[in-house]
Protein backbone atom coordinates (compact mmCIF):
# COMPACT_ATOMS: atom_id res chain seq x y z
CA MET A 1 0.00 0.00 0.00
CA GLY A 2 1.39 3.39 -0.95
CA LEU A 3 1.97 6.39 1.28
CA PHE A 4 -1.05 8.30 -0.01
CA SER A 5 -3.32 5.30 0.42
CA ARG A 6 -2.23 4.93 4.04
CA LEU A 7 -2.63 8.65 4.73
CA PHE A 8 -5.94 9.17 2.98
CA GLY A 9 -7.67 5.86 3.58
CA GLY A 10 -7.17 3.90 0.41
CA LYS A 11 -8.65 0.46 0.05
CA SER A 12 -9.73 -0.83 3.46
CA GLU A 13 -8.58 -4.24 4.54
CA ASP A 14 -10.54 -6.53 6.84
CA LYS A 15 -8.15 -7.08 9.73
CA THR A 16 -10.64 -9.10 11.79
CA GLU A 17 -9.01 -12.22 13.10
CA SER A 18 -10.88 -15.40 13.80
CA VAL A 19 -10.45 -16.11 17.50
CA GLU A 20 -10.78 -19.65 18.81
CA PRO A 21 -12.62 -19.66 22.15
CA VAL A 22 -11.32 -21.28 25.32
CA GLU A 23 -13.94 -23.33 27.17
CA TYR A 24 -14.13 -22.82 30.93
CA LYS A 25 -16.93 -24.11 33.17
CA GLU A 26 -19.43 -24.27 30.27
CA PHE A 27 -18.55 -20.71 29.17
CA LEU A 28 -16.62 -19.78 26.02
CA ILE A 29 -13.94 -17.14 26.44
CA TYR A 30 -12.78 -15.19 23.40
CA GLN A 31 -9.43 -13.42 23.78
CA GLU A 32 -9.91 -10.33 21.59
CA VAL A 33 -7.15 -7.96 22.64
CA ILE A 34 -7.06 -4.52 21.01
CA ALA A 35 -3.90 -3.15 19.40
CA GLU A 36 -3.27 0.44 20.58
CA GLY A 37 -0.15 2.44 19.83
CA GLY A 38 2.25 -0.50 19.81
CA GLN A 39 0.65 -2.10 22.88
CA TYR A 40 -2.30 -4.43 23.43
CA ARG A 41 -5.33 -3.66 25.58
CA VAL A 42 -6.83 -6.59 27.48
CA ALA A 43 -10.29 -7.22 26.01
CA GLY A 44 -12.61 -10.01 25.03
CA ARG A 45 -15.96 -11.61 25.55
CA ILE A 46 -17.55 -14.43 27.48
CA THR A 47 -20.47 -16.33 25.97
CA LYS A 48 -22.81 -19.08 27.08
CA GLU A 49 -26.01 -20.54 25.75
CA VAL A 50 -28.81 -20.00 28.29
CA ASP A 51 -32.28 -21.40 27.60
CA GLY A 52 -31.50 -21.69 23.90
CA GLU A 53 -30.24 -18.10 23.63
CA LEU A 54 -26.59 -17.12 23.22
CA LYS A 55 -25.68 -14.62 25.95
CA THR A 56 -22.57 -12.43 25.61
CA HIS A 57 -20.63 -10.34 28.10
CA ARG A 58 -18.02 -8.09 26.42
CA PHE A 59 -15.37 -6.26 28.36
CA ILE A 60 -12.43 -3.96 27.80
CA ARG A 61 -9.95 -3.56 30.65
CA SER A 62 -7.63 -0.67 31.38
CA ASP A 63 -4.68 -3.11 31.41
CA VAL A 64 -2.24 -2.79 28.48
CA MET A 65 0.68 -5.07 27.67
CA SER A 66 3.58 -4.72 25.27
CA ASN A 67 3.18 -8.31 24.04
CA LYS A 68 0.00 -9.67 22.40
CA ASN A 69 0.40 -13.14 23.90
CA ASP A 70 0.79 -11.67 27.40
CA ALA A 71 -2.37 -9.58 26.90
CA GLU A 72 -4.30 -12.65 25.72
CA GLU A 73 -3.09 -14.69 28.70
CA LEU A 74 -4.04 -11.93 31.16
CA MET A 75 -7.46 -11.63 29.50
CA LEU A 76 -8.03 -15.36 29.92
CA LYS A 77 -7.08 -15.24 33.61
CA LYS A 78 -9.29 -12.17 34.25
CA ALA A 79 -12.24 -13.83 32.48
CA GLN A 80 -11.82 -17.06 34.46
CA MET A 81 -11.62 -15.09 37.71
CA PHE A 82 -14.76 -13.13 36.75
CA ILE A 83 -16.64 -16.38 36.02
CA ASP A 84 -15.53 -17.82 39.37
CA GLN A 85 -16.45 -14.68 41.33
CA MET A 86 -19.88 -14.38 39.72
CA SER A 87 -20.62 -18.09 40.30
CA GLY A 88 -22.00 -18.26 36.76
CA ARG A 89 -24.46 -15.35 37.23
CA ILE A 90 -22.76 -13.15 34.61
CA PHE A 91 -25.89 -12.61 32.54
CA ASP A 92 -28.40 -12.06 35.38
């Protein structure tokens, strides 16, 4: 992509990555960290099917890491802790 295309918004590219969920206590955790200024913000979502309906809890944390893998790992730990603390009542 040329300089002018980058500056003035040439052809947009779909940068959405397919994220494989991690299963934890019947919940699915999606590690969807956000790239910000050379760092990665801890973010993601937790889903679970409840009474035939897919429920989703999305969160973005203030934590930022310099390494994407570290941010994903921290997101997973935070999500697991949240599930444990809420005793499964995330969507109530």
